[in-house]
Amino acid sequence: MNIFTDFIHGFFTIFGDLLAYLYGGVHNLAIAIAILTVIVLLPFTPLISKSVHNSIKQAEIMKRIHPEMKRIREEFKNDPVRRNQELQMLMSQEKINPVSGCLPMLPQFAVLWIFYAFIRGVYHVSGGKHPKIAPLYIPKNSALYHALIASGGHLKAFGMDLALKVPKPEFHSAGWIPYWIMLLIGVVFSYMQFQRSVSRMPPNPQIDPRTQQRMNLLMLVVMSFIYFIVPAAVGIYYATSAIVRLGQYEYVFWRNPTLAEYAARNRLERENALGKVVRQSKPSVQKANGKVDKPVRPTPKKRSQGKRGK
């Protein structure tokens, strides 16, 4: 094996030892995976704080130079090469790096991939004419290893077979309930974390607020789809990590009152921007539907006529 493979295999071994130890204490694989997820993700809190600060810094710079970027686009609208050169020069002068806020999060994505591969190894099935469960990375003298062997790789927790994906057609309708509860918890907390992180940033003047809302809904659909393509054991990891990440973001803003005030101002600014766009779009929508309301003129008051004298 090369150095990279040895490095990854070392993580697998550490995760296997920790998971086996936790299972020996709680005797529930879902709870053991959830606790292991918390242990793995908590050390990333400083990186999340750094990511938040970098994102705020980049967003403020983009907001400040937006008028200049708009001027460049207007001035060189017929010369795309020159326009791109000017925009790149401006961003270089301002030291803008669009991915700077994402770089501190890369280790989390790496751990996510490692954990997914680790869970697949836990439910490894040997090949041959008579395939059978052969868990990888789990100590063979552990209670978890023997429980996996005894269950044939279908160890259950809270009514879920953690080796299977979210619902299967052959399940009785009541058997779907634990899977759907897990999916609902994971999607709701993932969407809350994503929505709150976006709302705390200053609105991007280059993106229509309604477009941002559609992007949020698309993210919700993508997050929901993930739970249908991974085993329930990985779904437990996703759901737990969504709760942990939300808590980490809330902790970062709670520890820094300046960030909390900044986030509140941006949230109000986003709401006002969305309301303004909606109000401006109403006349055009009414016109397209042929329902343009005409201005109502005040009805002139009738003058009272006195009785004519005979």
Protein backbone atom coordinates (compact mmCIF):
# COMPACT_ATOMS: atom_id res chain seq x y z
CA MET A 1 0.00 0.00 0.00
CA ASN A 2 1.13 3.54 -0.70
CA ILE A 3 1.37 6.37 1.84
CA PHE A 4 -2.09 7.77 1.02
CA THR A 5 -3.77 4.37 1.41
CA ASP A 6 -1.98 3.77 4.70
CA PHE A 7 -3.10 7.19 5.92
CA ILE A 8 -6.77 6.53 5.05
CA HIS A 9 -6.62 3.01 6.48
CA GLY A 10 -5.31 4.52 9.73
CA PHE A 11 -8.49 6.61 9.99
CA PHE A 12 -10.59 3.52 9.31
CA THR A 13 -8.85 1.68 12.14
CA ILE A 14 -9.35 4.58 14.58
CA PHE A 15 -13.03 4.88 13.67
CA GLY A 16 -13.45 1.11 14.00
CA ASP A 17 -11.92 1.04 17.48
CA LEU A 18 -14.01 4.01 18.63
CA LEU A 19 -17.25 2.62 17.20
CA ALA A 20 -16.67 -0.79 18.77
CA TYR A 21 -15.91 0.85 22.14
CA LEU A 22 -19.04 3.02 22.00
CA TYR A 23 -21.24 0.10 20.95
CA GLY A 24 -19.93 -1.90 23.89
CA GLY A 25 -21.27 0.83 26.16
CA VAL A 26 -24.67 1.62 24.60
CA HIS A 27 -25.43 -1.64 22.69
CA ASN A 28 -27.18 0.38 19.97
CA LEU A 29 -25.37 0.93 16.68
CA ALA A 30 -27.36 4.05 15.72
CA ILE A 31 -26.53 5.75 19.02
CA ALA A 32 -22.89 4.65 18.73
CA ILE A 33 -22.64 6.18 15.22
CA ALA A 34 -24.27 9.41 16.44
CA ILE A 35 -21.83 9.73 19.36
CA LEU A 36 -18.88 8.98 17.07
CA THR A 37 -20.11 11.68 14.68
CA VAL A 38 -20.14 14.26 17.49
CA ILE A 39 -16.62 13.23 18.55
CA VAL A 40 -15.35 13.53 14.96
CA LEU A 41 -16.99 16.90 14.15
CA LEU A 42 -16.49 18.90 17.37
CA PRO A 43 -12.78 19.58 16.71
CA PHE A 44 -13.79 21.39 13.48
CA THR A 45 -15.50 24.24 15.38
CA PRO A 46 -12.45 26.60 15.09
CA LEU A 47 -12.36 25.96 11.33
CA ILE A 48 -16.06 26.85 11.08
CA SER A 49 -15.35 30.10 12.92
CA LYS A 50 -12.54 30.89 10.48
CA SER A 51 -14.80 30.06 7.53
CA VAL A 52 -17.51 32.42 8.83
CA HIS A 53 -15.06 35.30 9.23
CA ASN A 54 -13.57 34.73 5.76
CA SER A 55 -17.01 34.59 4.16
CA ILE A 56 -18.07 37.84 5.84
CA LYS A 57 -14.88 39.58 4.75
CA GLN A 58 -15.29 38.51 1.12
CA ALA A 59 -18.99 39.41 1.09
CA GLU A 60 -18.31 42.91 2.41
CA ILE A 61 -15.66 43.52 -0.25
CA MET A 62 -18.01 42.34 -2.99
CA LYS A 63 -20.72 44.62 -1.68
CA ARG A 64 -18.35 47.60 -1.64
CA ILE A 65 -17.01 47.13 -5.18
CA HIS A 66 -20.36 46.24 -6.75
CA PRO A 67 -20.86 49.75 -8.25
CA GLU A 68 -17.43 49.56 -9.88
CA MET A 69 -18.15 46.10 -11.27
CA LYS A 70 -21.44 47.37 -12.65
CA ARG A 71 -19.64 50.29 -14.31
CA ILE A 72 -17.10 47.94 -15.93
CA ARG A 73 -19.87 45.72 -17.30
CA GLU A 74 -21.68 48.69 -18.78
CA GLU A 75 -18.56 50.30 -20.24
CA PHE A 76 -17.25 47.13 -21.88
CA LYS A 77 -20.54 45.37 -22.61
CA ASN A 78 -19.54 45.02 -26.28
CA ASP A 79 -16.02 43.81 -25.50
CA PRO A 80 -16.24 40.64 -23.35
CA VAL A 81 -12.48 40.03 -23.39
CA ARG A 82 -11.66 43.48 -22.06
CA ARG A 83 -14.56 43.27 -19.59
CA ASN A 84 -13.25 40.03 -18.10
CA GLN A 85 -9.74 41.42 -17.89
CA GLU A 86 -10.94 44.51 -16.03
CA LEU A 87 -13.04 42.46 -13.63
CA GLN A 88 -10.18 40.07 -12.92
CA MET A 89 -7.83 43.02 -12.34
CA LEU A 90 -10.31 44.59 -9.91
CA MET A 91 -10.76 41.35 -7.97
CA SER A 92 -7.00 40.85 -7.88
CA GLN A 93 -6.48 44.37 -6.51
CA GLU A 94 -9.07 43.78 -3.80
CA LYS A 95 -7.59 40.34 -3.02
CA ILE A 96 -10.89 38.56 -3.54
CA ASN A 97 -10.84 34.80 -3.37
CA PRO A 98 -14.34 33.36 -3.91
CA VAL A 99 -13.42 30.03 -2.30
CA SER A 100 -11.64 31.41 0.76
CA GLY A 101 -14.72 30.82 2.90
CA CYS A 102 -14.91 27.21 1.73
CA LEU A 103 -11.27 26.22 2.21
CA PRO A 104 -11.54 25.70 6.00
CA MET A 105 -14.48 23.35 5.33
CA LEU A 106 -12.53 21.00 3.06
CA PRO A 107 -11.29 18.83 5.96
CA GLN A 108 -14.93 18.22 6.94
CA PHE A 109 -15.74 17.00 3.44
CA ALA A 110 -12.69 14.73 3.55
CA VAL A 111 -13.84 13.25 6.87
CA LEU A 112 -17.33 12.82 5.42
CA TRP A 113 -15.94 10.73 2.56
CA ILE A 114 -13.73 8.71 4.92
CA PHE A 115 -16.66 8.03 7.24
CA TYR A 116 -18.85 6.94 4.32
CA ALA A 117 -16.17 4.51 3.13
CA PHE A 118 -15.73 3.29 6.71
CA ILE A 119 -19.45 2.49 7.10
CA ARG A 120 -19.39 0.56 3.83
CA GLY A 121 -16.48 -1.44 5.21
CA VAL A 122 -18.38 -2.22 8.42
CA TYR A 123 -21.06 -3.92 6.29
CA HIS A 124 -18.56 -5.59 3.95
CA VAL A 125 -19.70 -8.88 2.44
CA SER A 126 -17.12 -11.42 1.32
CA GLY A 127 -17.22 -12.73 -2.23
CA GLY A 128 -17.35 -16.31 -3.47
CA LYS A 129 -20.11 -18.88 -3.90
CA HIS A 130 -21.33 -18.36 -0.35
CA PRO A 131 -21.05 -14.65 0.45
CA LYS A 132 -21.26 -13.71 4.10
CA ILE A 133 -20.79 -10.68 6.28
CA ALA A 134 -17.14 -9.91 6.95
CA PRO A 135 -16.86 -6.55 8.79
CA LEU A 136 -13.72 -4.57 8.11
CA TYR A 137 -11.89 -2.28 10.55
CA ILE A 138 -13.89 -3.58 13.56
CA PRO A 139 -11.84 -5.48 16.20
CA LYS A 140 -12.76 -9.16 15.97
CA ASN A 141 -12.88 -9.54 19.74
CA SER A 142 -15.46 -6.74 20.14
CA ALA A 143 -19.18 -7.04 20.91
CA LEU A 144 -19.99 -5.09 17.73
CA TYR A 145 -18.13 -7.55 15.51
CA HIS A 146 -19.94 -10.54 17.02
CA ALA A 147 -23.32 -8.74 16.80
CA LEU A 148 -22.76 -8.01 13.09
CA ILE A 149 -21.80 -11.62 12.40
CA ALA A 150 -24.78 -12.98 14.37
CA SER A 151 -27.22 -10.69 12.51
CA GLY A 152 -25.76 -11.54 9.12
CA GLY A 153 -24.93 -7.89 8.57
CA HIS A 154 -28.47 -6.71 9.31
CA LEU A 155 -28.01 -5.25 12.77
CA LYS A 156 -31.08 -3.17 13.66
CA ALA A 157 -31.51 -0.04 15.75
CA PHE A 158 -34.81 1.74 16.45
CA GLY A 159 -36.52 -0.62 14.00
CA MET A 160 -34.12 0.22 11.15
CA ASP A 161 -31.83 -2.16 9.34
CA LEU A 162 -28.84 0.18 9.12
CA ALA A 163 -27.42 -1.71 6.13
CA LEU A 164 -30.40 -0.73 3.95
CA LYS A 165 -31.34 2.54 2.28
CA VAL A 166 -34.32 4.73 3.27
CA PRO A 167 -37.50 2.94 2.20
CA LYS A 168 -37.70 -0.29 0.25
CA PRO A 169 -40.86 -1.38 -1.62
CA GLU A 170 -41.10 -4.65 0.27
CA PHE A 171 -41.39 -2.89 3.62
CA HIS A 172 -44.74 -2.72 5.36
CA SER A 173 -45.85 0.90 5.58
CA ALA A 174 -45.24 0.99 9.35
CA GLY A 175 -41.67 -0.22 8.78
CA TRP A 176 -40.90 2.95 6.85
CA ILE A 177 -41.61 5.24 9.80
CA PRO A 178 -38.12 5.15 11.47
CA TYR A 179 -36.42 5.79 8.12
CA TRP A 180 -38.67 8.74 7.31
CA ILE A 181 -38.18 10.20 10.79
CA MET A 182 -34.41 10.02 10.29
CA LEU A 183 -34.75 11.62 6.85
CA LEU A 184 -37.00 14.38 8.19
CA ILE A 185 -34.63 15.20 11.06
CA GLY A 186 -31.61 15.29 8.77
CA VAL A 187 -33.23 17.39 6.04
CA VAL A 188 -34.84 19.88 8.44
CA PHE A 189 -31.64 20.53 10.38
CA SER A 190 -29.51 20.64 7.20
CA TYR A 191 -31.86 23.18 5.67
CA MET A 192 -31.94 25.24 8.87
CA GLN A 193 -28.15 25.33 8.98
CA PHE A 194 -27.90 26.29 5.30
CA GLN A 195 -30.69 28.88 5.50
CA ARG A 196 -29.34 30.56 8.62
CA SER A 197 -25.79 30.68 7.29
CA VAL A 198 -27.00 32.34 4.07
CA SER A 199 -29.32 34.82 5.83
CA ARG A 200 -26.48 36.01 8.07
CA MET A 201 -24.38 37.09 5.11
CA PRO A 202 -24.95 40.46 3.38
CA PRO A 203 -27.22 40.10 0.33
CA ASN A 204 -25.38 39.68 -2.94
CA PRO A 205 -26.43 42.61 -5.16
CA GLN A 206 -25.75 40.48 -8.25
CA ILE A 207 -28.32 37.82 -7.27
CA ASP A 208 -32.05 38.41 -7.27
CA PRO A 209 -33.52 37.56 -3.82
CA ARG A 210 -36.11 35.32 -5.48
CA THR A 211 -33.33 33.44 -7.24
CA GLN A 212 -31.67 32.93 -3.87
CA GLN A 213 -34.91 31.46 -2.53
CA ARG A 214 -35.09 29.03 -5.46
CA MET A 215 -31.48 28.01 -4.80
CA ASN A 216 -32.41 27.32 -1.17
CA LEU A 217 -35.28 25.08 -2.26
CA LEU A 218 -33.01 23.28 -4.73
CA MET A 219 -30.55 22.63 -1.90
CA LEU A 220 -33.42 21.15 0.12
CA VAL A 221 -34.23 18.73 -2.72
CA VAL A 222 -30.57 17.72 -3.10
CA MET A 223 -30.20 17.09 0.64
CA SER A 224 -33.35 14.96 0.62
CA PHE A 225 -32.09 12.92 -2.34
CA ILE A 226 -28.86 11.99 -0.53
CA TYR A 227 -30.76 9.98 2.07
CA PHE A 228 -32.26 7.77 -0.64
CA ILE A 229 -28.90 6.67 -2.06
CA VAL A 230 -26.91 5.87 1.11
CA PRO A 231 -27.37 3.15 3.76
CA ALA A 232 -29.30 4.13 6.87
CA ALA A 233 -26.07 3.95 8.90
CA VAL A 234 -24.63 6.76 6.77
CA GLY A 235 -27.99 8.55 7.03
CA ILE A 236 -27.56 8.52 10.82
CA TYR A 237 -24.19 10.20 10.31
CA TYR A 238 -25.69 12.82 7.97
CA ALA A 239 -28.58 13.60 10.33
CA THR A 240 -26.33 13.86 13.37
CA SER A 241 -23.77 15.97 11.54
CA ALA A 242 -26.52 18.38 10.44
CA ILE A 243 -27.52 18.91 14.08
CA VAL A 244 -23.88 19.30 15.15
CA ARG A 245 -23.06 21.81 12.39
CA LEU A 246 -26.12 23.90 13.22
CA GLY A 247 -25.02 23.96 16.86
CA GLN A 248 -21.48 24.91 15.85
CA TYR A 249 -22.67 27.86 13.73
CA GLU A 250 -24.98 29.04 16.51
CA TYR A 251 -22.10 28.78 18.97
CA VAL A 252 -19.79 30.85 16.75
CA PHE A 253 -22.30 33.70 16.52
CA TRP A 254 -23.28 33.41 20.18
CA ARG A 255 -19.65 33.76 21.30
CA ASN A 256 -19.18 36.91 19.23
CA PRO A 257 -21.84 39.60 19.89
CA THR A 258 -20.48 41.71 17.03
CA LEU A 259 -21.14 38.87 14.61
CA ALA A 260 -24.62 38.41 16.04
CA GLU A 261 -25.49 42.10 15.47
CA TYR A 262 -23.99 41.93 12.00
CA ALA A 263 -26.09 38.86 11.17
CA ALA A 264 -29.28 40.53 12.45
CA ARG A 265 -28.68 43.58 10.22
CA ASN A 266 -28.05 41.41 7.18
CA ARG A 267 -31.14 39.31 7.84
CA LEU A 268 -33.28 42.48 8.00
CA GLU A 269 -31.61 43.83 4.85
CA ARG A 270 -32.36 40.60 2.98
CA GLU A 271 -36.00 40.68 4.05
CA ASN A 272 -36.34 44.30 2.92
CA ALA A 273 -34.65 43.54 -0.42
CA LEU A 274 -36.98 40.59 -1.05
CA GLY A 275 -40.03 42.65 -0.11
CA LYS A 276 -38.95 45.43 -2.46
CA VAL A 277 -38.50 43.02 -5.37
CA VAL A 278 -41.91 41.46 -4.75
CA ARG A 279 -43.61 44.86 -4.64
CA GLN A 280 -41.90 45.95 -7.86
CA SER A 281 -42.90 42.73 -9.64
CA LYS A 282 -46.61 43.03 -8.85
CA PRO A 283 -47.46 45.69 -11.49
CA SER A 284 -45.67 43.72 -14.23
CA VAL A 285 -47.47 40.51 -13.23
CA GLN A 286 -50.83 42.26 -13.25
CA LYS A 287 -50.06 43.77 -16.64
CA ALA A 288 -49.14 40.35 -18.06
CA ASN A 289 -52.45 38.97 -16.80
CA GLY A 290 -54.40 41.90 -18.18
CA LYS A 291 -55.42 42.98 -14.71
CA VAL A 292 -53.86 46.36 -14.37
CA ASP A 293 -55.76 48.33 -11.81
CA LYS A 294 -56.57 51.83 -12.95
CA PRO A 295 -56.01 54.61 -10.49
CA VAL A 296 -59.16 55.47 -8.64
CA ARG A 297 -60.12 59.09 -8.93
CA PRO A 298 -62.01 60.71 -6.10
CA THR A 299 -65.70 61.21 -6.83
CA PRO A 300 -66.55 64.89 -6.92
CA LYS A 301 -69.03 65.93 -4.33
CA LYS A 302 -72.38 67.12 -5.54
CA ARG A 303 -73.18 70.63 -4.70
CA SER A 304 -76.27 71.01 -2.62
CA GLN A 305 -78.87 73.08 -4.43
CA GLY A 306 -80.96 75.33 -2.29
CA LYS A 307 -84.70 75.72 -2.83
CA ARG A 308 -85.62 78.26 -5.40
CA GLY A 309 -87.83 80.95 -4.22
CA LYS A 310 -91.23 81.21 -5.82
